[in-house]
């Protein structure tokens, strides 16, 4: 009877696989949680990097605009400072060339040499002579018409007949500072004289 009682009190042993399953489930949950946290961190980093790129692009655009504004101001200041210099040097060169045209050969060569020196000075400040071609079209803004030469050639109407003085171009801004003085061809229409008839005579009346 005592042995039978002891058999009834004996406990049933636990299944060792059940504990391993619980540990596996916990490990899987921990791995999923770690993966989610990692993905969230990567997404946050990606968002921050995108925002940084936007800010960097905005800063770069601002720097470019400021640089362009500075260049524009510098160009405007340069034009304001050098325009009177270019005009005065251009007029001086034109006067020297005009004096050379009406002087003896040795004096003319001297004036021409001075004019060349002024041309070099103009080049150093960013300007060059603007010499129209005779027979070319008159260009408003670049040429100033100071005289008219009549021509019967209709095709020559509005072309340069002669150049009285060179103009000058600002090569940095590509703008005419001093227009060239020219005389332009003007077509002249020739009207044939009308035929005239004499007074009728006695013989014509017969």
N, C-alpha and C. Protein backbone atom coordinates (compact mmCIF):
# COMPACT_ATOMS: atom_id res chain seq x y z
N UNK A 1 0.83 -1.20 0.00
CA UNK A 1 0.00 0.00 0.00
C UNK A 1 0.86 1.24 0.00
N UNK A 2 1.94 1.22 0.78
CA UNK A 2 2.83 2.40 0.81
C UNK A 2 3.47 2.62 -0.52
N UNK A 3 3.90 1.55 -1.20
CA UNK A 3 4.53 1.74 -2.53
C UNK A 3 3.55 2.32 -3.51
N UNK A 4 2.32 1.90 -3.42
CA UNK A 4 1.31 2.43 -4.33
C UNK A 4 1.11 3.90 -4.12
N UNK A 5 1.16 4.37 -2.87
CA UNK A 5 0.98 5.81 -2.57
C UNK A 5 2.12 6.61 -3.12
N UNK A 6 3.34 6.05 -2.99
CA UNK A 6 4.50 6.78 -3.53
C UNK A 6 4.39 6.92 -5.04
N UNK A 7 3.91 5.87 -5.71
CA UNK A 7 3.76 5.97 -7.18
C UNK A 7 2.75 7.04 -7.56
N UNK A 8 1.72 7.19 -6.75
CA UNK A 8 0.73 8.21 -7.07
C UNK A 8 1.27 9.62 -6.89
N UNK A 9 2.21 9.84 -5.95
CA UNK A 9 2.74 11.19 -5.71
C UNK A 9 3.87 11.55 -6.68
N UNK A 10 4.36 10.66 -7.48
CA UNK A 10 5.49 10.97 -8.40
C UNK A 10 5.05 11.99 -9.45
N UNK A 11 5.83 13.17 -9.61
CA UNK A 11 5.51 14.25 -10.59
C UNK A 11 5.91 13.83 -11.99
N UNK A 12 5.16 14.37 -12.99
CA UNK A 12 5.47 14.12 -14.40
C UNK A 12 6.57 15.09 -14.84
N UNK A 13 7.67 14.67 -15.43
CA UNK A 13 8.79 15.58 -15.82
C UNK A 13 8.35 16.53 -16.94
N UNK A 14 8.89 17.80 -16.89
CA UNK A 14 8.55 18.83 -17.91
C UNK A 14 9.24 18.52 -19.23
N UNK A 15 8.61 19.01 -20.31
CA UNK A 15 9.16 18.81 -21.66
C UNK A 15 10.30 19.82 -21.88
N UNK A 16 11.51 19.39 -22.11
CA UNK A 16 12.64 20.34 -22.29
C UNK A 16 12.51 21.17 -23.56
N UNK A 17 11.73 20.81 -24.56
CA UNK A 17 11.62 21.57 -25.81
C UNK A 17 10.78 22.83 -25.65
N UNK A 18 9.87 22.81 -24.64
CA UNK A 18 9.01 23.99 -24.48
C UNK A 18 9.80 25.21 -24.09
N UNK A 19 10.81 25.08 -23.26
CA UNK A 19 11.64 26.24 -22.86
C UNK A 19 12.44 26.78 -24.01
N UNK A 20 12.93 25.89 -24.87
CA UNK A 20 13.69 26.35 -26.03
C UNK A 20 12.80 27.12 -26.99
N UNK A 21 11.54 26.68 -27.14
CA UNK A 21 10.62 27.41 -28.02
C UNK A 21 10.36 28.81 -27.51
N UNK A 22 10.19 28.93 -26.17
CA UNK A 22 9.97 30.28 -25.60
C UNK A 22 11.18 31.18 -25.85
N UNK A 23 12.40 30.61 -25.68
CA UNK A 23 13.61 31.42 -25.90
C UNK A 23 13.72 31.82 -27.37
N UNK A 24 13.37 30.91 -28.27
CA UNK A 24 13.42 31.22 -29.70
C UNK A 24 12.44 32.34 -30.05
N UNK A 25 11.25 32.30 -29.46
CA UNK A 25 10.25 33.34 -29.72
C UNK A 25 10.74 34.70 -29.23
N UNK A 26 11.35 34.70 -28.02
CA UNK A 26 11.87 35.95 -27.48
C UNK A 26 13.00 36.49 -28.35
N UNK A 27 13.88 35.59 -28.82
CA UNK A 27 14.99 36.02 -29.68
C UNK A 27 14.46 36.61 -30.98
N UNK A 28 13.42 35.98 -31.54
CA UNK A 28 12.84 36.49 -32.79
C UNK A 28 12.24 37.87 -32.59
N UNK A 29 11.54 38.04 -31.45
CA UNK A 29 10.96 39.36 -31.16
C UNK A 29 12.04 40.41 -30.98
N UNK A 30 13.14 40.02 -30.29
CA UNK A 30 14.24 40.97 -30.09
C UNK A 30 14.88 41.34 -31.43
N UNK A 31 15.03 40.35 -32.31
CA UNK A 31 15.63 40.62 -33.62
C UNK A 31 14.74 41.55 -34.44
N UNK A 32 13.43 41.31 -34.40
CA UNK A 32 12.51 42.17 -35.14
C UNK A 32 12.54 43.59 -34.59
N UNK A 33 12.59 43.69 -33.26
CA UNK A 33 12.64 45.01 -32.65
C UNK A 33 13.91 45.75 -33.03
N UNK A 34 15.04 45.02 -33.01
CA UNK A 34 16.31 45.64 -33.38
C UNK A 34 16.30 46.05 -34.85
N UNK A 35 15.71 45.21 -35.70
CA UNK A 35 15.65 45.55 -37.13
C UNK A 35 14.78 46.78 -37.36
N UNK A 36 13.66 46.87 -36.65
CA UNK A 36 12.78 48.04 -36.79
C UNK A 36 13.49 49.30 -36.33
N UNK A 37 14.21 49.18 -35.20
CA UNK A 37 14.94 50.34 -34.70
C UNK A 37 16.02 50.76 -35.70
N UNK A 38 16.70 49.77 -36.30
CA UNK A 38 17.73 50.10 -37.29
C UNK A 38 17.15 50.78 -38.51
N UNK A 39 16.01 50.27 -39.02
CA UNK A 39 15.37 50.88 -40.17
C UNK A 39 14.92 52.31 -39.87
N UNK A 40 14.40 52.49 -38.65
CA UNK A 40 13.96 53.84 -38.26
C UNK A 40 15.15 54.79 -38.20
N UNK A 41 16.28 54.31 -37.68
CA UNK A 41 17.47 55.15 -37.60
C UNK A 41 17.98 55.50 -38.99
N UNK A 42 17.97 54.51 -39.90
CA UNK A 42 18.41 54.76 -41.28
C UNK A 42 17.50 55.77 -41.96
N UNK A 43 16.18 55.63 -41.75
CA UNK A 43 15.22 56.56 -42.36
C UNK A 43 15.41 57.97 -41.82
N UNK A 44 15.66 58.06 -40.48
CA UNK A 44 15.90 59.37 -39.88
C UNK A 44 17.17 60.00 -40.44
N UNK A 45 18.21 59.19 -40.62
CA UNK A 45 19.47 59.69 -41.19
C UNK A 45 19.27 60.14 -42.62
N UNK A 46 18.46 59.37 -43.37
CA UNK A 46 18.20 59.73 -44.75
C UNK A 46 17.44 61.05 -44.83
N UNK A 47 16.46 61.22 -43.97
CA UNK A 47 15.70 62.47 -43.94
C UNK A 47 16.59 63.65 -43.58
N UNK A 48 17.45 63.46 -42.58
CA UNK A 48 18.36 64.53 -42.18
C UNK A 48 19.33 64.88 -43.30
N UNK A 49 19.81 63.85 -44.02
CA UNK A 49 20.73 64.09 -45.12
C UNK A 49 20.04 64.85 -46.25
N UNK A 50 18.79 64.51 -46.54
CA UNK A 50 18.04 65.22 -47.59
C UNK A 50 17.85 66.68 -47.21
N UNK A 51 17.51 66.91 -45.93
CA UNK A 51 17.34 68.29 -45.47
C UNK A 51 18.66 69.05 -45.56
N UNK A 52 19.76 68.39 -45.24
CA UNK A 52 21.08 69.02 -45.34
C UNK A 52 21.39 69.39 -46.79
N UNK A 53 21.06 68.49 -47.71
CA UNK A 53 21.30 68.77 -49.12
C UNK A 53 20.49 69.96 -49.60
N UNK A 54 19.25 70.06 -49.14
CA UNK A 54 18.40 71.20 -49.51
C UNK A 54 19.01 72.50 -49.00
N UNK A 55 19.47 72.48 -47.74
CA UNK A 55 20.07 73.68 -47.18
C UNK A 55 21.36 74.05 -47.91
N UNK A 56 22.15 73.02 -48.25
CA UNK A 56 23.40 73.26 -48.97
C UNK A 56 23.12 73.86 -50.35
N UNK A 57 22.09 73.34 -51.04
CA UNK A 57 21.74 73.88 -52.35
C UNK A 57 21.26 75.32 -52.24
N UNK A 58 20.50 75.62 -51.18
CA UNK A 58 20.03 77.00 -50.98
C UNK A 58 21.20 77.93 -50.70
N UNK A 59 22.17 77.46 -49.90
CA UNK A 59 23.35 78.30 -49.62
C UNK A 59 24.15 78.54 -50.90
N UNK A 60 24.31 77.48 -51.70
CA UNK A 60 25.07 77.63 -52.94
C UNK A 60 24.38 78.61 -53.89
N UNK A 61 23.06 78.51 -53.99
CA UNK A 61 22.32 79.45 -54.85
C UNK A 61 22.47 80.88 -54.36
N UNK A 62 22.46 81.06 -53.05
CA UNK A 62 22.63 82.40 -52.48
C UNK A 62 24.02 82.94 -52.78
N UNK A 63 25.03 82.08 -52.66
CA UNK A 63 26.41 82.50 -52.95
C UNK A 63 26.54 82.92 -54.41
N UNK A 64 25.93 82.14 -55.31
CA UNK A 64 25.98 82.47 -56.74
C UNK A 64 25.31 83.82 -57.02
N UNK A 65 24.16 84.04 -56.40
CA UNK A 65 23.45 85.31 -56.60
C UNK A 65 24.27 86.48 -56.07
N UNK A 66 24.88 86.31 -54.90
CA UNK A 66 25.71 87.38 -54.34
C UNK A 66 26.91 87.66 -55.23
N UNK A 67 27.51 86.59 -55.76
CA UNK A 67 28.65 86.77 -56.66
C UNK A 67 28.24 87.53 -57.92
N UNK A 68 27.08 87.16 -58.49
CA UNK A 68 26.60 87.86 -59.67
C UNK A 68 26.31 89.32 -59.37
N UNK A 69 25.76 89.59 -58.20
CA UNK A 69 25.46 90.97 -57.82
C UNK A 69 26.74 91.78 -57.67
N UNK A 70 27.75 91.17 -57.05
CA UNK A 70 29.04 91.85 -56.88
C UNK A 70 29.66 92.15 -58.25
N UNK A 71 29.60 91.15 -59.15
CA UNK A 71 30.15 91.35 -60.49
C UNK A 71 29.40 92.45 -61.22
N UNK A 72 28.08 92.48 -61.07
CA UNK A 72 27.29 93.53 -61.72
C UNK A 72 27.66 94.90 -61.19
N UNK A 73 27.83 94.99 -59.88
CA UNK A 73 28.21 96.27 -59.29
C UNK A 73 29.60 96.69 -59.75
N UNK A 74 30.51 95.71 -59.80
CA UNK A 74 31.87 96.03 -60.27
C UNK A 74 31.86 96.50 -61.72
N UNK A 75 31.04 95.82 -62.54
CA UNK A 75 30.95 96.21 -63.95
C UNK A 75 30.38 97.61 -64.08
N UNK A 76 29.34 97.89 -63.29
CA UNK A 76 28.76 99.23 -63.32
C UNK A 76 29.74 100.30 -62.87
N UNK A 77 30.50 99.99 -61.81
CA UNK A 77 31.50 100.95 -61.34
C UNK A 77 32.58 101.15 -62.37
N UNK A 78 33.00 100.05 -63.01
CA UNK A 78 34.04 100.16 -64.04
C UNK A 78 33.56 101.04 -65.19
N UNK A 79 32.32 100.80 -65.63
CA UNK A 79 31.78 101.58 -66.74
C UNK A 79 31.70 103.06 -66.38
N UNK A 80 31.25 103.33 -65.15
CA UNK A 80 31.12 104.73 -64.72
C UNK A 80 32.48 105.43 -64.63
N UNK A 81 33.51 104.67 -64.24
CA UNK A 81 34.84 105.27 -64.09
C UNK A 81 35.57 105.40 -65.43
N UNK A 82 35.42 104.40 -66.29
CA UNK A 82 36.23 104.37 -67.51
C UNK A 82 35.56 105.03 -68.71
N UNK A 83 34.26 105.18 -68.68
CA UNK A 83 33.58 105.78 -69.84
C UNK A 83 34.15 107.15 -70.19
N UNK A 84 34.30 108.08 -69.25
CA UNK A 84 34.89 109.39 -69.61
C UNK A 84 36.31 109.25 -70.13
N UNK A 85 37.08 108.30 -69.58
CA UNK A 85 38.46 108.10 -70.04
C UNK A 85 38.47 107.63 -71.49
N UNK A 86 37.60 106.65 -71.81
CA UNK A 86 37.54 106.13 -73.18
C UNK A 86 37.11 107.23 -74.15
N UNK A 87 36.13 108.03 -73.76
CA UNK A 87 35.66 109.11 -74.63
C UNK A 87 36.78 110.11 -74.89
N UNK A 88 37.49 110.52 -73.84
CA UNK A 88 38.56 111.51 -74.01
C UNK A 88 39.72 110.96 -74.84
N UNK A 89 40.10 109.70 -74.57
CA UNK A 89 41.19 109.11 -75.34
C UNK A 89 40.77 108.93 -76.81
N UNK A 90 39.52 108.55 -77.04
CA UNK A 90 39.04 108.39 -78.41
C UNK A 90 39.07 109.71 -79.17
N UNK A 91 38.62 110.76 -78.54
CA UNK A 91 38.62 112.07 -79.21
C UNK A 91 40.05 112.55 -79.46
N UNK A 92 40.94 112.27 -78.51
CA UNK A 92 42.35 112.63 -78.70
C UNK A 92 42.94 111.89 -79.91
N UNK A 93 42.66 110.60 -80.00
CA UNK A 93 43.16 109.83 -81.14
C UNK A 93 42.60 110.35 -82.45
N UNK A 94 41.32 110.67 -82.49
CA UNK A 94 40.72 111.19 -83.71
C UNK A 94 41.35 112.52 -84.11
N UNK A 95 41.62 113.38 -83.14
CA UNK A 95 42.27 114.66 -83.44
C UNK A 95 43.68 114.47 -83.98
N UNK A 96 44.42 113.52 -83.41
CA UNK A 96 45.77 113.24 -83.89
C UNK A 96 45.74 112.73 -85.33
N UNK A 97 44.79 111.84 -85.63
CA UNK A 97 44.68 111.33 -87.00
C UNK A 97 44.27 112.43 -87.97
N UNK A 98 43.42 113.34 -87.51
CA UNK A 98 42.98 114.44 -88.36
C UNK A 98 44.16 115.38 -88.65
N UNK A 99 44.97 115.62 -87.63
CA UNK A 99 46.16 116.46 -87.83
C UNK A 99 47.16 115.78 -88.77
N UNK A 100 47.25 114.45 -88.66
CA UNK A 100 48.18 113.72 -89.53
C UNK A 100 47.76 113.82 -91.00
N UNK A 101 46.45 113.84 -91.27
CA UNK A 101 45.97 113.89 -92.66
C UNK A 101 46.35 115.18 -93.36
N UNK A 102 46.43 116.27 -92.61
CA UNK A 102 46.72 117.54 -93.26
C UNK A 102 48.11 118.06 -93.02
N UNK A 103 49.04 117.20 -92.67
CA UNK A 103 50.40 117.62 -92.36
C UNK A 103 51.40 117.02 -93.33
N UNK A 104 52.59 117.61 -93.43
CA UNK A 104 53.65 117.01 -94.23
C UNK A 104 53.98 115.61 -93.75
N UNK A 105 54.67 114.85 -94.59
CA UNK A 105 54.90 113.43 -94.32
C UNK A 105 55.57 113.20 -92.99
N UNK A 106 56.65 113.98 -92.68
CA UNK A 106 57.37 113.73 -91.43
C UNK A 106 56.52 114.07 -90.21
N UNK A 107 55.77 115.17 -90.31
CA UNK A 107 54.88 115.56 -89.20
C UNK A 107 53.72 114.57 -89.09
N UNK A 108 53.21 114.12 -90.25
CA UNK A 108 52.11 113.16 -90.25
C UNK A 108 52.52 111.87 -89.57
N UNK A 109 53.75 111.42 -89.83
CA UNK A 109 54.23 110.19 -89.19
C UNK A 109 54.31 110.36 -87.67
N UNK A 110 54.70 111.55 -87.23
CA UNK A 110 54.77 111.81 -85.79
C UNK A 110 53.38 111.76 -85.15
N UNK A 111 52.42 112.43 -85.81
CA UNK A 111 51.04 112.39 -85.29
C UNK A 111 50.49 110.96 -85.29
N UNK A 112 50.78 110.21 -86.35
CA UNK A 112 50.30 108.83 -86.44
C UNK A 112 50.90 107.97 -85.32
N UNK A 113 52.17 108.22 -84.99
CA UNK A 113 52.79 107.48 -83.89
C UNK A 113 52.12 107.78 -82.56
N UNK A 114 51.79 109.07 -82.34
CA UNK A 114 51.06 109.43 -81.11
C UNK A 114 49.69 108.76 -81.08
N UNK A 115 49.02 108.71 -82.25
CA UNK A 115 47.70 108.06 -82.31
C UNK A 115 47.80 106.58 -81.97
N UNK A 116 48.88 105.94 -82.44
CA UNK A 116 49.08 104.52 -82.10
C UNK A 116 49.26 104.33 -80.59
N UNK A 117 49.99 105.24 -79.96
CA UNK A 117 50.17 105.16 -78.50
C UNK A 117 48.83 105.27 -77.78
N UNK A 118 47.97 106.16 -78.27
CA UNK A 118 46.64 106.31 -77.67
C UNK A 118 45.82 105.04 -77.89
N UNK A 119 45.98 104.40 -79.06
CA UNK A 119 45.27 103.15 -79.33
C UNK A 119 45.67 102.08 -78.32
N UNK A 120 46.98 101.99 -78.02
CA UNK A 120 47.44 101.01 -77.02
C UNK A 120 46.86 101.33 -75.65
N UNK A 121 46.77 102.63 -75.32
CA UNK A 121 46.19 103.01 -74.03
C UNK A 121 44.72 102.61 -73.97
N UNK A 122 44.00 102.76 -75.07
CA UNK A 122 42.60 102.36 -75.11
C UNK A 122 42.46 100.85 -74.91
N UNK A 123 43.34 100.08 -75.53
CA UNK A 123 43.29 98.63 -75.38
C UNK A 123 43.54 98.21 -73.94
N UNK A 124 44.40 98.95 -73.25
CA UNK A 124 44.69 98.60 -71.85
C UNK A 124 43.50 98.82 -70.93
N UNK A 125 42.61 99.75 -71.29
CA UNK A 125 41.43 99.99 -70.46
C UNK A 125 40.21 99.24 -70.99
N UNK A 126 40.41 98.38 -72.00
CA UNK A 126 39.31 97.56 -72.50
C UNK A 126 38.46 98.22 -73.56
N UNK A 127 39.10 98.95 -74.48
CA UNK A 127 38.36 99.60 -75.56
C UNK A 127 39.16 99.46 -76.86
N UNK A 128 38.47 99.61 -77.97
CA UNK A 128 39.12 99.54 -79.27
C UNK A 128 38.41 100.46 -80.25
N UNK A 129 39.14 100.93 -81.28
CA UNK A 129 38.51 101.80 -82.29
C UNK A 129 37.44 101.06 -83.07
N UNK A 130 36.42 101.79 -83.47
CA UNK A 130 35.33 101.27 -84.27
C UNK A 130 35.36 102.01 -85.60
N UNK A 131 35.95 101.39 -86.62
CA UNK A 131 36.15 102.04 -87.92
C UNK A 131 35.17 101.48 -88.93
N UNK A 132 34.13 102.23 -89.30
CA UNK A 132 33.15 101.72 -90.27
C UNK A 132 33.79 101.54 -91.65
N UNK A 133 33.29 100.58 -92.39
CA UNK A 133 33.76 100.34 -93.75
C UNK A 133 32.94 101.18 -94.73
N UNK A 134 33.62 101.89 -95.61
CA UNK A 134 32.92 102.67 -96.63
C UNK A 134 32.16 101.70 -97.53
N UNK A 135 30.89 101.97 -97.73
CA UNK A 135 30.05 101.08 -98.51
C UNK A 135 29.22 100.15 -97.66
N UNK A 136 29.56 100.04 -96.36
CA UNK A 136 28.78 99.22 -95.45
C UNK A 136 27.53 99.94 -94.98
N UNK A 137 26.64 99.22 -94.39
CA UNK A 137 25.39 99.82 -93.92
C UNK A 137 25.62 100.71 -92.71
N UNK A 138 24.85 101.77 -92.65
CA UNK A 138 24.88 102.64 -91.48
C UNK A 138 24.18 101.93 -90.33
N UNK A 139 24.86 101.80 -89.20
CA UNK A 139 24.33 101.07 -88.06
C UNK A 139 23.90 102.06 -86.97
N UNK A 140 22.60 102.15 -86.70
CA UNK A 140 22.16 103.06 -85.64
C UNK A 140 22.80 102.69 -84.31
N UNK A 141 23.23 103.70 -83.56
CA UNK A 141 23.89 103.47 -82.28
C UNK A 141 25.38 103.37 -82.41
N UNK A 142 25.86 102.69 -83.45
CA UNK A 142 27.31 102.59 -83.66
C UNK A 142 27.82 103.71 -84.56
N UNK A 143 26.94 104.23 -85.43
CA UNK A 143 27.31 105.30 -86.35
C UNK A 143 26.41 106.52 -86.11
N UNK A 144 27.01 107.69 -86.22
CA UNK A 144 26.22 108.93 -86.15
C UNK A 144 26.39 109.65 -87.48
N UNK A 145 25.28 109.82 -88.18
CA UNK A 145 25.32 110.46 -89.50
C UNK A 145 25.43 111.97 -89.31
N UNK A 146 26.52 112.54 -89.88
CA UNK A 146 26.75 113.98 -89.76
C UNK A 146 26.65 114.67 -91.12
N UNK A 147 26.38 113.91 -92.15
CA UNK A 147 26.26 114.50 -93.48
C UNK A 147 25.67 113.49 -94.45
N UNK A 148 25.19 114.01 -95.58
CA UNK A 148 24.55 113.17 -96.59
C UNK A 148 25.22 113.41 -97.93
N UNK A 149 25.45 112.34 -98.66
CA UNK A 149 26.03 112.42 -100.00
C UNK A 149 25.03 111.81 -100.97
N UNK A 150 24.60 112.60 -101.96
CA UNK A 150 23.63 112.11 -102.91
C UNK A 150 24.22 111.07 -103.85
N UNK A 151 23.41 110.11 -104.24
CA UNK A 151 23.84 109.08 -105.19
C UNK A 151 22.65 108.67 -106.04
N UNK A 152 22.94 108.35 -107.30
CA UNK A 152 21.89 107.86 -108.19
C UNK A 152 21.74 106.35 -108.10
N UNK A 153 22.64 105.72 -107.36
CA UNK A 153 22.57 104.26 -107.18
C UNK A 153 21.63 103.96 -106.01
N UNK A 154 20.47 103.46 -106.34
CA UNK A 154 19.49 103.18 -105.29
C UNK A 154 19.96 102.13 -104.31
N UNK A 155 20.81 101.20 -104.77
CA UNK A 155 21.30 100.15 -103.88
C UNK A 155 22.24 100.69 -102.82
N UNK A 156 22.85 101.86 -103.08
CA UNK A 156 23.79 102.44 -102.11
C UNK A 156 23.10 103.30 -101.06
N UNK A 157 21.81 103.47 -101.19
CA UNK A 157 21.09 104.31 -100.23
C UNK A 157 21.22 103.73 -98.82
N UNK A 158 21.60 104.57 -97.86
CA UNK A 158 21.73 104.12 -96.47
C UNK A 158 23.06 103.49 -96.14
N UNK A 159 24.03 103.60 -97.05
CA UNK A 159 25.36 103.05 -96.78
C UNK A 159 26.33 104.18 -96.43
N UNK A 160 27.49 103.81 -95.91
CA UNK A 160 28.50 104.77 -95.49
C UNK A 160 29.23 105.31 -96.72
N UNK A 161 29.19 106.63 -96.89
CA UNK A 161 29.90 107.26 -98.00
C UNK A 161 31.29 107.68 -97.60
N UNK A 162 31.47 108.11 -96.34
CA UNK A 162 32.78 108.53 -95.85
C UNK A 162 32.75 108.49 -94.33
N UNK A 163 33.94 108.34 -93.76
CA UNK A 163 34.08 108.29 -92.30
C UNK A 163 34.81 109.55 -91.86
N UNK A 164 34.18 110.37 -91.03
CA UNK A 164 34.80 111.58 -90.53
C UNK A 164 35.62 111.33 -89.27
N UNK A 165 35.19 110.37 -88.44
CA UNK A 165 35.92 110.06 -87.20
C UNK A 165 35.54 108.66 -86.74
N UNK A 166 36.54 107.94 -86.21
CA UNK A 166 36.28 106.61 -85.68
C UNK A 166 35.43 106.66 -84.43
N UNK A 167 34.70 105.58 -84.19
CA UNK A 167 34.01 105.41 -82.93
C UNK A 167 34.82 104.50 -82.02
N UNK A 168 34.29 104.22 -80.81
CA UNK A 168 35.05 103.40 -79.85
C UNK A 168 34.10 102.47 -79.10
N UNK A 169 34.58 101.23 -78.98
CA UNK A 169 33.77 100.15 -78.40
C UNK A 169 34.38 99.69 -77.08
N UNK A 170 33.54 99.56 -76.05
CA UNK A 170 33.97 98.95 -74.79
C UNK A 170 33.92 97.44 -74.99
N UNK A 171 35.10 96.81 -75.09
CA UNK A 171 35.15 95.38 -75.38
C UNK A 171 34.74 94.52 -74.20
N UNK A 172 34.78 95.05 -72.99
CA UNK A 172 34.39 94.28 -71.82
C UNK A 172 32.87 94.13 -71.77
N UNK A 173 32.15 95.22 -72.00
CA UNK A 173 30.69 95.19 -71.98
C UNK A 173 30.09 95.04 -73.36
N UNK A 174 30.94 95.09 -74.40
CA UNK A 174 30.49 95.00 -75.78
C UNK A 174 29.44 96.08 -76.07
N UNK A 175 29.79 97.32 -75.70
CA UNK A 175 28.90 98.45 -75.92
C UNK A 175 29.67 99.59 -76.58
N UNK A 176 28.97 100.30 -77.46
CA UNK A 176 29.58 101.45 -78.11
C UNK A 176 29.59 102.62 -77.12
N UNK A 177 30.79 103.12 -76.87
CA UNK A 177 30.92 104.26 -75.95
C UNK A 177 30.86 105.57 -76.72
N UNK A 178 31.50 105.58 -77.89
CA UNK A 178 31.53 106.78 -78.72
C UNK A 178 31.23 106.36 -80.16
N UNK A 179 30.09 106.80 -80.73
CA UNK A 179 29.75 106.36 -82.09
C UNK A 179 30.67 107.00 -83.13
N UNK A 180 30.86 106.30 -84.24
CA UNK A 180 31.66 106.84 -85.34
C UNK A 180 30.85 107.90 -86.08
N UNK A 181 31.55 108.94 -86.58
CA UNK A 181 30.91 110.00 -87.34
C UNK A 181 31.04 109.67 -88.83
N UNK A 182 29.91 109.54 -89.49
CA UNK A 182 29.93 109.14 -90.90
C UNK A 182 29.03 110.05 -91.73
N UNK A 183 29.29 110.03 -93.03
CA UNK A 183 28.39 110.64 -94.01
C UNK A 183 27.75 109.50 -94.79
N UNK A 184 26.46 109.59 -94.99
CA UNK A 184 25.71 108.49 -95.57
C UNK A 184 25.26 108.81 -96.98
N UNK A 185 25.16 107.77 -97.80
CA UNK A 185 24.61 107.93 -99.14
C UNK A 185 23.10 108.12 -99.04
N UNK A 186 22.60 109.02 -99.86
CA UNK A 186 21.16 109.22 -99.97
C UNK A 186 20.78 109.16 -101.45
N UNK A 187 19.90 108.25 -101.79
CA UNK A 187 19.50 108.09 -103.18
C UNK A 187 18.79 109.35 -103.67
N UNK A 188 19.19 109.80 -104.85
CA UNK A 188 18.58 110.98 -105.46
C UNK A 188 17.76 110.53 -106.65
N UNK A 189 16.50 110.89 -106.65
CA UNK A 189 15.62 110.53 -107.75
C UNK A 189 15.72 111.60 -108.83
N UNK A 190 16.13 111.19 -110.01
CA UNK A 190 16.25 112.12 -111.14
C UNK A 190 14.96 112.11 -111.94
N UNK A 191 14.36 113.26 -112.05
CA UNK A 191 13.09 113.38 -112.80
C UNK A 191 13.40 113.92 -114.19
N UNK A 192 13.00 113.19 -115.20
CA UNK A 192 13.23 113.65 -116.57
C UNK A 192 12.40 114.89 -116.85
N UNK A 193 13.00 115.87 -117.53
CA UNK A 193 12.23 117.10 -117.83
C UNK A 193 11.06 116.80 -118.76
N UNK A 194 9.98 117.49 -118.53
CA UNK A 194 8.79 117.29 -119.35
C UNK A 194 9.02 117.88 -120.73
N UNK A 195 8.45 117.27 -121.74
CA UNK A 195 8.57 117.78 -123.09
C UNK A 195 7.76 119.06 -123.22
N UNK A 196 8.33 120.03 -123.92
CA UNK A 196 7.64 121.31 -124.12
C UNK A 196 7.33 121.47 -125.60
N UNK A 197 6.26 122.10 -125.84
CA UNK A 197 5.82 122.33 -127.24
C UNK A 197 5.74 123.83 -127.47
N UNK A 198 6.21 124.28 -128.63
CA UNK A 198 6.21 125.70 -128.94
C UNK A 198 4.80 126.19 -129.26
N UNK A 199 4.71 127.51 -129.39
CA UNK A 199 3.41 128.11 -129.76
C UNK A 199 3.05 127.72 -131.18
N UNK A 200 1.81 127.44 -131.42
CA UNK A 200 1.40 127.07 -132.79
C UNK A 200 1.65 128.22 -133.78
N UNK A 201 2.11 127.91 -134.92
CA UNK A 201 2.38 128.93 -135.98
C UNK A 201 1.23 128.95 -136.96
N UNK A 202 1.32 129.90 -137.89
CA UNK A 202 0.26 130.03 -138.90
C UNK A 202 0.24 128.80 -139.76
N UNK A 203 1.45 128.30 -140.08
CA UNK A 203 1.52 127.12 -140.91
C UNK A 203 0.91 125.93 -140.22
N UNK A 204 1.11 125.85 -138.84
CA UNK A 204 0.52 124.71 -138.11
C UNK A 204 -0.99 124.78 -138.14
N UNK A 205 -1.49 126.00 -138.19
CA UNK A 205 -2.95 126.13 -138.18
C UNK A 205 -3.55 125.81 -139.52
N UNK A 206 -2.77 125.88 -140.63
CA UNK A 206 -3.34 125.60 -141.94
C UNK A 206 -3.60 124.12 -142.16
